[in-house]
């Protein structure tokens, strides 16, 4: 019976070891998400902005400038 039990334990251990890399990646993702959340909260307290926010605003300004140029080019009615 000990041999069968240890065989089952070996199977369970092998399954756990096979799952370990995925569990570690999942854990890292959770830690990374928490770290990013903390950094964003800290940056917000300091009134800092992230690069993606600046990029989004630059795009919006460029779109508005383009629309304004189009309106300026239209002949008067």
PDB file of N, CA and C in Angstrom:
ATOM      1  N   UNK A   1       0.811  -1.193   0.000  1.00  0.00           N
ATOM      2  CA  UNK A   1       0.000   0.000   0.000  1.00  0.00           C
ATOM      3  C   UNK A   1       0.853   1.254   0.000  1.00  0.00           C
ATOM      4  N   UNK A   2       1.971   1.191   0.626  1.00  0.00           N
ATOM      5  CA  UNK A   2       2.835   2.363   0.650  1.00  0.00           C
ATOM      6  C   UNK A   2       3.314   2.707  -0.747  1.00  0.00           C
ATOM      7  N   UNK A   3       3.561   1.688  -1.549  1.00  0.00           N
ATOM      8  CA  UNK A   3       4.029   1.931  -2.906  1.00  0.00           C
ATOM      9  C   UNK A   3       2.954   2.623  -3.739  1.00  0.00           C
ATOM     10  N   UNK A   4       1.688   2.170  -3.572  1.00  0.00           N
ATOM     11  CA  UNK A   4       0.608   2.797  -4.331  1.00  0.00           C
ATOM     12  C   UNK A   4       0.386   4.227  -3.860  1.00  0.00           C
ATOM     13  N   UNK A   5       0.425   4.436  -2.572  1.00  0.00           N
ATOM     14  CA  UNK A   5       0.232   5.782  -2.040  1.00  0.00           C
ATOM     15  C   UNK A   5       1.331   6.722  -2.490  1.00  0.00           C
ATOM     16  N   UNK A   6       2.548   6.248  -2.479  1.00  0.00           N
ATOM     17  CA  UNK A   6       3.653   7.113  -2.892  1.00  0.00           C
ATOM     18  C   UNK A   6       3.583   7.372  -4.385  1.00  0.00           C
ATOM     19  N   UNK A   7       3.049   6.391  -5.145  1.00  0.00           N
ATOM     20  CA  UNK A   7       2.864   6.615  -6.582  1.00  0.00           C
ATOM     21  C   UNK A   7       1.848   7.713  -6.830  1.00  0.00           C
ATOM     22  N   UNK A   8       0.782   7.704  -6.052  1.00  0.00           N
ATOM     23  CA  UNK A   8      -0.245   8.752  -6.178  1.00  0.00           C
ATOM     24  C   UNK A   8       0.331  10.095  -5.758  1.00  0.00           C
ATOM     25  N   UNK A   9       1.114  10.079  -4.688  1.00  0.00           N
ATOM     26  CA  UNK A   9       1.744  11.317  -4.238  1.00  0.00           C
ATOM     27  C   UNK A   9       2.671  11.854  -5.320  1.00  0.00           C
ATOM     28  N   UNK A  10       3.358  10.968  -6.000  1.00  0.00           N
ATOM     29  CA  UNK A  10       4.251  11.377  -7.081  1.00  0.00           C
ATOM     30  C   UNK A  10       3.457  12.006  -8.215  1.00  0.00           C
ATOM     31  N   UNK A  11       2.295  11.427  -8.520  1.00  0.00           N
ATOM     32  CA  UNK A  11       1.449  11.984  -9.579  1.00  0.00           C
ATOM     33  C   UNK A  11       0.946  13.372  -9.202  1.00  0.00           C
ATOM     34  N   UNK A  12       0.492  13.502  -7.962  1.00  0.00           N
ATOM     35  CA  UNK A  12      -0.004  14.799  -7.485  1.00  0.00           C
ATOM     36  C   UNK A  12       1.124  15.820  -7.523  1.00  0.00           C
ATOM     37  N   UNK A  13       2.298  15.417  -7.061  1.00  0.00           N
ATOM     38  CA  UNK A  13       3.455  16.317  -7.069  1.00  0.00           C
ATOM     39  C   UNK A  13       3.821  16.717  -8.500  1.00  0.00           C
ATOM     40  N   UNK A  14       3.775  15.757  -9.416  1.00  0.00           N
ATOM     41  CA  UNK A  14       4.084  16.059 -10.816  1.00  0.00           C
ATOM     42  C   UNK A  14       3.068  17.038 -11.386  1.00  0.00           C
ATOM     43  N   UNK A  15       1.780  16.847 -11.048  1.00  0.00           N
ATOM     44  CA  UNK A  15       0.743  17.778 -11.511  1.00  0.00           C
ATOM     45  C   UNK A  15       0.970  19.177 -10.959  1.00  0.00           C
ATOM     46  N   UNK A  16       1.294  19.246  -9.663  1.00  0.00           N
ATOM     47  CA  UNK A  16       1.552  20.555  -9.056  1.00  0.00           C
ATOM     48  C   UNK A  16       2.757  21.236  -9.689  1.00  0.00           C
ATOM     49  N   UNK A  17       3.794  20.481  -9.943  1.00  0.00           N
ATOM     50  CA  UNK A  17       4.983  21.056 -10.576  1.00  0.00           C
ATOM     51  C   UNK A  17       4.683  21.516 -11.996  1.00  0.00           C
ATOM     52  N   UNK A  18       3.796  20.801 -12.676  1.00  0.00           N
ATOM     53  CA  UNK A  18       3.417  21.209 -14.029  1.00  0.00           C
ATOM     54  C   UNK A  18       2.624  22.513 -13.999  1.00  0.00           C
ATOM     55  N   UNK A  19       1.825  22.700 -12.940  1.00  0.00           N
ATOM     56  CA  UNK A  19       1.000  23.911 -12.814  1.00  0.00           C
ATOM     57  C   UNK A  19       1.780  25.096 -12.257  1.00  0.00           C
ATOM     58  N   UNK A  20       2.886  24.833 -11.622  1.00  0.00           N
ATOM     59  CA  UNK A  20       3.637  25.877 -10.928  1.00  0.00           C
ATOM     60  C   UNK A  20       3.992  27.084 -11.803  1.00  0.00           C
ATOM     61  N   UNK A  21       4.539  26.889 -13.001  1.00  0.00           N
ATOM     62  CA  UNK A  21       4.890  28.074 -13.801  1.00  0.00           C
ATOM     63  C   UNK A  21       3.683  28.980 -14.087  1.00  0.00           C
ATOM     64  N   UNK A  22       2.535  28.384 -14.371  1.00  0.00           N
ATOM     65  CA  UNK A  22       1.329  29.181 -14.642  1.00  0.00           C
ATOM     66  C   UNK A  22       0.875  29.918 -13.386  1.00  0.00           C
ATOM     67  N   UNK A  23       0.940  29.245 -12.257  1.00  0.00           N
ATOM     68  CA  UNK A  23       0.547  29.892 -11.001  1.00  0.00           C
ATOM     69  C   UNK A  23       1.487  31.048 -10.671  1.00  0.00           C
ATOM     70  N   UNK A  24       2.767  30.853 -10.916  1.00  0.00           N
ATOM     71  CA  UNK A  24       3.739  31.918 -10.650  1.00  0.00           C
ATOM     72  C   UNK A  24       3.465  33.110 -11.565  1.00  0.00           C
ATOM     73  N   UNK A  25       3.213  32.827 -12.843  1.00  0.00           N
ATOM     74  CA  UNK A  25       2.902  33.923 -13.776  1.00  0.00           C
ATOM     75  C   UNK A  25       1.646  34.658 -13.338  1.00  0.00           C
ATOM     76  N   UNK A  26       0.640  33.912 -12.906  1.00  0.00           N
ATOM     77  CA  UNK A  26      -0.585  34.544 -12.416  1.00  0.00           C
ATOM     78  C   UNK A  26      -0.324  35.399 -11.198  1.00  0.00           C
ATOM     79  N   UNK A  27       0.513  34.891 -10.302  1.00  0.00           N
ATOM     80  CA  UNK A  27       0.873  35.657  -9.108  1.00  0.00           C
ATOM     81  C   UNK A  27       1.645  36.903  -9.459  1.00  0.00           C
ATOM     82  N   UNK A  28       2.546  36.795 -10.416  1.00  0.00           N
ATOM     83  CA  UNK A  28       3.317  37.959 -10.856  1.00  0.00           C
ATOM     84  C   UNK A  28       2.400  38.999 -11.477  1.00  0.00           C
ATOM     85  N   UNK A  29       1.414  38.531 -12.236  1.00  0.00           N
ATOM     86  CA  UNK A  29       0.475  39.467 -12.865  1.00  0.00           C
ATOM     87  C   UNK A  29      -0.304  40.224 -11.801  1.00  0.00           C
ATOM     88  N   UNK A  30      -0.730  39.526 -10.757  1.00  0.00           N
ATOM     89  CA  UNK A  30      -1.472  40.188  -9.681  1.00  0.00           C
ATOM     90  C   UNK A  30      -0.602  41.203  -8.970  1.00  0.00           C
ATOM     91  N   UNK A  31       0.637  40.823  -8.688  1.00  0.00           N
ATOM     92  CA  UNK A  31       1.565  41.739  -8.024  1.00  0.00           C
ATOM     93  C   UNK A  31       1.835  42.934  -8.924  1.00  0.00           C
ATOM     94  N   UNK A  32       2.019  42.686 -10.216  1.00  0.00           N
ATOM     95  CA  UNK A  32       2.275  43.777 -11.156  1.00  0.00           C
ATOM     96  C   UNK A  32       1.083  44.716 -11.227  1.00  0.00           C
ATOM     97  N   UNK A  33      -0.125  44.166 -11.267  1.00  0.00           N
ATOM     98  CA  UNK A  33      -1.322  45.003 -11.308  1.00  0.00           C
ATOM     99  C   UNK A  33      -1.425  45.854 -10.053  1.00  0.00           C
ATOM    100  N   UNK A  34      -1.132  45.253  -8.912  1.00  0.00           N
ATOM    101  CA  UNK A  34      -1.180  46.004  -7.658  1.00  0.00           C
ATOM    102  C   UNK A  34      -0.118  47.100  -7.648  1.00  0.00           C
ATOM    103  N   UNK A  35       1.069  46.786  -8.126  1.00  0.00           N
ATOM    104  CA  UNK A  35       2.149  47.773  -8.156  1.00  0.00           C
ATOM    105  C   UNK A  35       1.788  48.928  -9.079  1.00  0.00           C
ATOM    106  N   UNK A  36       1.236  48.623 -10.228  1.00  0.00           N
ATOM    107  CA  UNK A  36       0.835  49.680 -11.162  1.00  0.00           C
ATOM    108  C   UNK A  36      -0.257  50.535 -10.539  1.00  0.00           C
ATOM    109  N   UNK A  37      -1.199  49.895  -9.876  1.00  0.00           N
ATOM    110  CA  UNK A  37      -2.261  50.652  -9.214  1.00  0.00           C
ATOM    111  C   UNK A  37      -1.713  51.583  -8.150  1.00  0.00           C
ATOM    112  N   UNK A  38      -0.756  51.091  -7.379  1.00  0.00           N
ATOM    113  CA  UNK A  38      -0.148  51.931  -6.346  1.00  0.00           C
ATOM    114  C   UNK A  38       0.625  53.086  -6.962  1.00  0.00           C
ATOM    115  N   UNK A  39       1.350  52.814  -8.041  1.00  0.00           N
ATOM    116  CA  UNK A  39       2.105  53.884  -8.703  1.00  0.00           C
ATOM    117  C   UNK A  39       1.169  54.939  -9.282  1.00  0.00           C
ATOM    118  N   UNK A  40       0.074  54.491  -9.873  1.00  0.00           N
ATOM    119  CA  UNK A  40      -0.892  55.451 -10.429  1.00  0.00           C
ATOM    120  C   UNK A  40      -1.503  56.308  -9.332  1.00  0.00           C
ATOM    121  N   UNK A  41      -1.831  55.688  -8.204  1.00  0.00           N
ATOM    122  CA  UNK A  41      -2.387  56.446  -7.085  1.00  0.00           C
ATOM    123  C   UNK A  41      -1.363  57.458  -6.571  1.00  0.00           C
ATOM    124  N   UNK A  42      -0.113  57.037  -6.447  1.00  0.00           N
ATOM    125  CA  UNK A  42       0.951  57.930  -5.986  1.00  0.00           C
ATOM    126  C   UNK A  42       1.159  59.076  -6.976  1.00  0.00           C
ATOM    127  N   UNK A  43       1.180  58.753  -8.262  1.00  0.00           N
ATOM    128  CA  UNK A  43       1.355  59.784  -9.285  1.00  0.00           C
ATOM    129  C   UNK A  43       0.185  60.765  -9.253  1.00  0.00           C
ATOM    130  N   UNK A  44      -1.004  60.256  -9.032  1.00  0.00           N
ATOM    131  CA  UNK A  44      -2.182  61.116  -8.963  1.00  0.00           C
ATOM    132  C   UNK A  44      -2.070  62.080  -7.779  1.00  0.00           C
ATOM    133  N   UNK A  45      -1.602  61.573  -6.639  1.00  0.00           N
ATOM    134  CA  UNK A  45      -1.418  62.439  -5.465  1.00  0.00           C
ATOM    135  C   UNK A  45      -0.415  63.544  -5.741  1.00  0.00           C
ATOM    136  N   UNK A  46       0.570  63.250  -6.568  1.00  0.00           N
ATOM    137  CA  UNK A  46       1.596  64.249  -6.894  1.00  0.00           C
ATOM    138  C   UNK A  46       1.221  65.101  -8.100  1.00  0.00           C
ATOM    139  N   UNK A  47       0.010  64.875  -8.633  1.00  0.00           N
ATOM    140  CA  UNK A  47      -0.460  65.569  -9.842  1.00  0.00           C
ATOM    141  C   UNK A  47       0.449  65.317 -11.034  1.00  0.00           C
ATOM    142  N   UNK A  48       0.962  64.091 -11.153  1.00  0.00           N
ATOM    143  CA  UNK A  48       1.769  63.689 -12.298  1.00  0.00           C
ATOM    144  C   UNK A  48       0.875  62.994 -13.315  1.00  0.00           C
ATOM    145  N   UNK A  49       1.323  62.941 -14.548  1.00  0.00           N
ATOM    146  CA  UNK A  49       0.580  62.237 -15.586  1.00  0.00           C
ATOM    147  C   UNK A  49       1.475  61.163 -16.191  1.00  0.00           C
ATOM    148  N   UNK A  50       0.835  60.154 -16.761  1.00  0.00           N
ATOM    149  CA  UNK A  50       1.566  59.089 -17.425  1.00  0.00           C
ATOM    150  C   UNK A  50       1.718  59.410 -18.900  1.00  0.00           C
ATOM    151  N   UNK A  51       2.683  58.794 -19.520  1.00  0.00           N
ATOM    152  CA  UNK A  51       2.986  59.032 -20.929  1.00  0.00           C
ATOM    153  C   UNK A  51       1.774  58.759 -21.813  1.00  0.00           C
ATOM    154  N   UNK A  52       1.016  57.703 -21.531  1.00  0.00           N
ATOM    155  CA  UNK A  52      -0.144  57.396 -22.361  1.00  0.00           C
ATOM    156  C   UNK A  52      -1.207  58.483 -22.266  1.00  0.00           C
ATOM    157  N   UNK A  53      -1.319  59.145 -21.115  1.00  0.00           N
ATOM    158  CA  UNK A  53      -2.265  60.259 -20.980  1.00  0.00           C
ATOM    159  C   UNK A  53      -1.812  61.454 -21.816  1.00  0.00           C
ATOM    160  N   UNK A  54      -0.521  61.726 -21.810  1.00  0.00           N
ATOM    161  CA  UNK A  54       0.024  62.824 -22.620  1.00  0.00           C
ATOM    162  C   UNK A  54      -0.170  62.511 -24.104  1.00  0.00           C
ATOM    163  N   UNK A  55       0.103  61.275 -24.491  1.00  0.00           N
ATOM    164  CA  UNK A  55      -0.072  60.879 -25.893  1.00  0.00           C
ATOM    165  C   UNK A  55      -1.521  61.038 -26.326  1.00  0.00           C
ATOM    166  N   UNK A  56      -2.450  60.662 -25.454  1.00  0.00           N
ATOM    167  CA  UNK A  56      -3.870  60.792 -25.784  1.00  0.00           C
ATOM    168  C   UNK A  56      -4.257  62.255 -25.966  1.00  0.00           C
ATOM    169  N   UNK A  57      -3.762  63.112 -25.098  1.00  0.00           N
ATOM    170  CA  UNK A  57      -4.058  64.539 -25.225  1.00  0.00           C
ATOM    171  C   UNK A  57      -3.425  65.132 -26.477  1.00  0.00           C
ATOM    172  N   UNK A  58      -2.207  64.714 -26.804  1.00  0.00           N
ATOM    173  CA  UNK A  58      -1.567  65.199 -28.028  1.00  0.00           C
ATOM    174  C   UNK A  58      -2.377  64.798 -29.256  1.00  0.00           C
ATOM    175  N   UNK A  59      -2.908  63.586 -29.265  1.00  0.00           N
ATOM    176  CA  UNK A  59      -3.733  63.129 -30.373  1.00  0.00           C
ATOM    177  C   UNK A  59      -5.007  63.956 -30.466  1.00  0.00           C
ATOM    178  N   UNK A  60      -5.635  64.214 -29.334  1.00  0.00           N
ATOM    179  CA  UNK A  60      -6.866  65.013 -29.346  1.00  0.00           C
ATOM    180  C   UNK A  60      -6.607  66.424 -29.852  1.00  0.00           C
ATOM    181  N   UNK A  61      -5.496  67.026 -29.433  1.00  0.00           N
ATOM    182  CA  UNK A  61      -5.145  68.371 -29.902  1.00  0.00           C
ATOM    183  C   UNK A  61      -4.902  68.356 -31.411  1.00  0.00           C
ATOM    184  N   UNK A  62      -4.190  67.353 -31.896  1.00  0.00           N
ATOM    185  CA  UNK A  62      -3.929  67.244 -33.337  1.00  0.00           C
ATOM    186  C   UNK A  62      -5.232  67.097 -34.108  1.00  0.00           C
ATOM    187  N   UNK A  63      -6.166  66.319 -33.585  1.00  0.00           N
ATOM    188  CA  UNK A  63      -7.455  66.154 -34.255  1.00  0.00           C
ATOM    189  C   UNK A  63      -8.225  67.471 -34.288  1.00  0.00           C
ATOM    190  N   UNK A  64      -8.204  68.189 -33.180  1.00  0.00           N
ATOM    191  CA  UNK A  64      -8.896  69.485 -33.128  1.00  0.00           C
ATOM    192  C   UNK A  64      -8.260  70.499 -34.074  1.00  0.00           C
ATOM    193  N   UNK A  65      -6.931  70.513 -34.135  1.00  0.00           N
ATOM    194  CA  UNK A  65      -6.244  71.417 -35.064  1.00  0.00           C
ATOM    195  C   UNK A  65      -6.610  71.090 -36.502  1.00  0.00           C
ATOM    196  N   UNK A  66      -6.686  69.813 -36.814  1.00  0.00           N
ATOM    197  CA  UNK A  66      -7.056  69.385 -38.163  1.00  0.00           C
ATOM    198  C   UNK A  66      -8.478  69.833 -38.493  1.00  0.00           C
ATOM    199  N   UNK A  67      -9.394  69.655 -37.569  1.00  0.00           N
ATOM    200  CA  UNK A  67     -10.782  70.083 -37.795  1.00  0.00           C
ATOM    201  C   UNK A  67     -10.864  71.594 -37.975  1.00  0.00           C
ATOM    202  N   UNK A  68     -10.095  72.322 -37.178  1.00  0.00           N
ATOM    203  CA  UNK A  68     -10.087  73.779 -37.287  1.00  0.00           C
ATOM    204  C   UNK A  68      -9.571  74.218 -38.647  1.00  0.00           C
ATOM    205  N   UNK A  69      -8.493  73.571 -39.130  1.00  0.00           N
ATOM    206  CA  UNK A  69      -7.967  73.904 -40.466  1.00  0.00           C
ATOM    207  C   UNK A  69      -9.011  73.635 -41.547  1.00  0.00           C
ATOM    208  N   UNK A  70      -9.731  72.543 -41.416  1.00  0.00           N
ATOM    209  CA  UNK A  70     -10.782  72.227 -42.387  1.00  0.00           C
ATOM    210  C   UNK A  70     -11.880  73.280 -42.363  1.00  0.00           C
ATOM    211  N   UNK A  71     -12.252  73.726 -41.180  1.00  0.00           N
ATOM    212  CA  UNK A  71     -13.276  74.761 -41.076  1.00  0.00           C
ATOM    213  C   UNK A  71     -12.792  76.092 -41.643  1.00  0.00           C
ATOM    214  N   UNK A  72     -11.526  76.418 -41.415  1.00  0.00           N
ATOM    215  CA  UNK A  72     -10.967  77.660 -41.938  1.00  0.00           C
ATOM    216  C   UNK A  72     -10.874  77.661 -43.461  1.00  0.00           C
ATOM    217  N   UNK A  73     -10.721  76.473 -44.042  1.00  0.00           N
ATOM    218  CA  UNK A  73     -10.591  76.367 -45.499  1.00  0.00           C
ATOM    219  C   UNK A  73     -11.943  76.423 -46.208  1.00  0.00           C
ATOM    220  N   UNK A  74     -13.040  76.242 -45.483  1.00  0.00           N
ATOM    221  CA  UNK A  74     -14.344  76.259 -46.127  1.00  0.00           C
ATOM    222  C   UNK A  74     -14.678  77.685 -46.576  1.00  0.00           C
ATOM    223  N   UNK A  75     -15.252  77.787 -47.764  1.00  0.00           N
ATOM    224  CA  UNK A  75     -15.643  79.136 -48.239  1.00  0.00           C
ATOM    225  C   UNK A  75     -16.793  79.682 -47.386  1.00  0.00           C
ATOM    226  N   UNK A  76     -16.838  80.981 -47.220  1.00  0.00           N
ATOM    227  CA  UNK A  76     -17.936  81.571 -46.433  1.00  0.00           C
ATOM    228  C   UNK A  76     -19.267  81.301 -47.108  1.00  0.00           C
ATOM    229  N   UNK A  77     -20.297  81.167 -46.331  1.00  0.00           N
ATOM    230  CA  UNK A  77     -21.645  80.902 -46.878  1.00  0.00           C
ATOM    231  C   UNK A  77     -22.394  82.143 -47.167  1.00  0.00           C
TER     232      UNK A  77
END
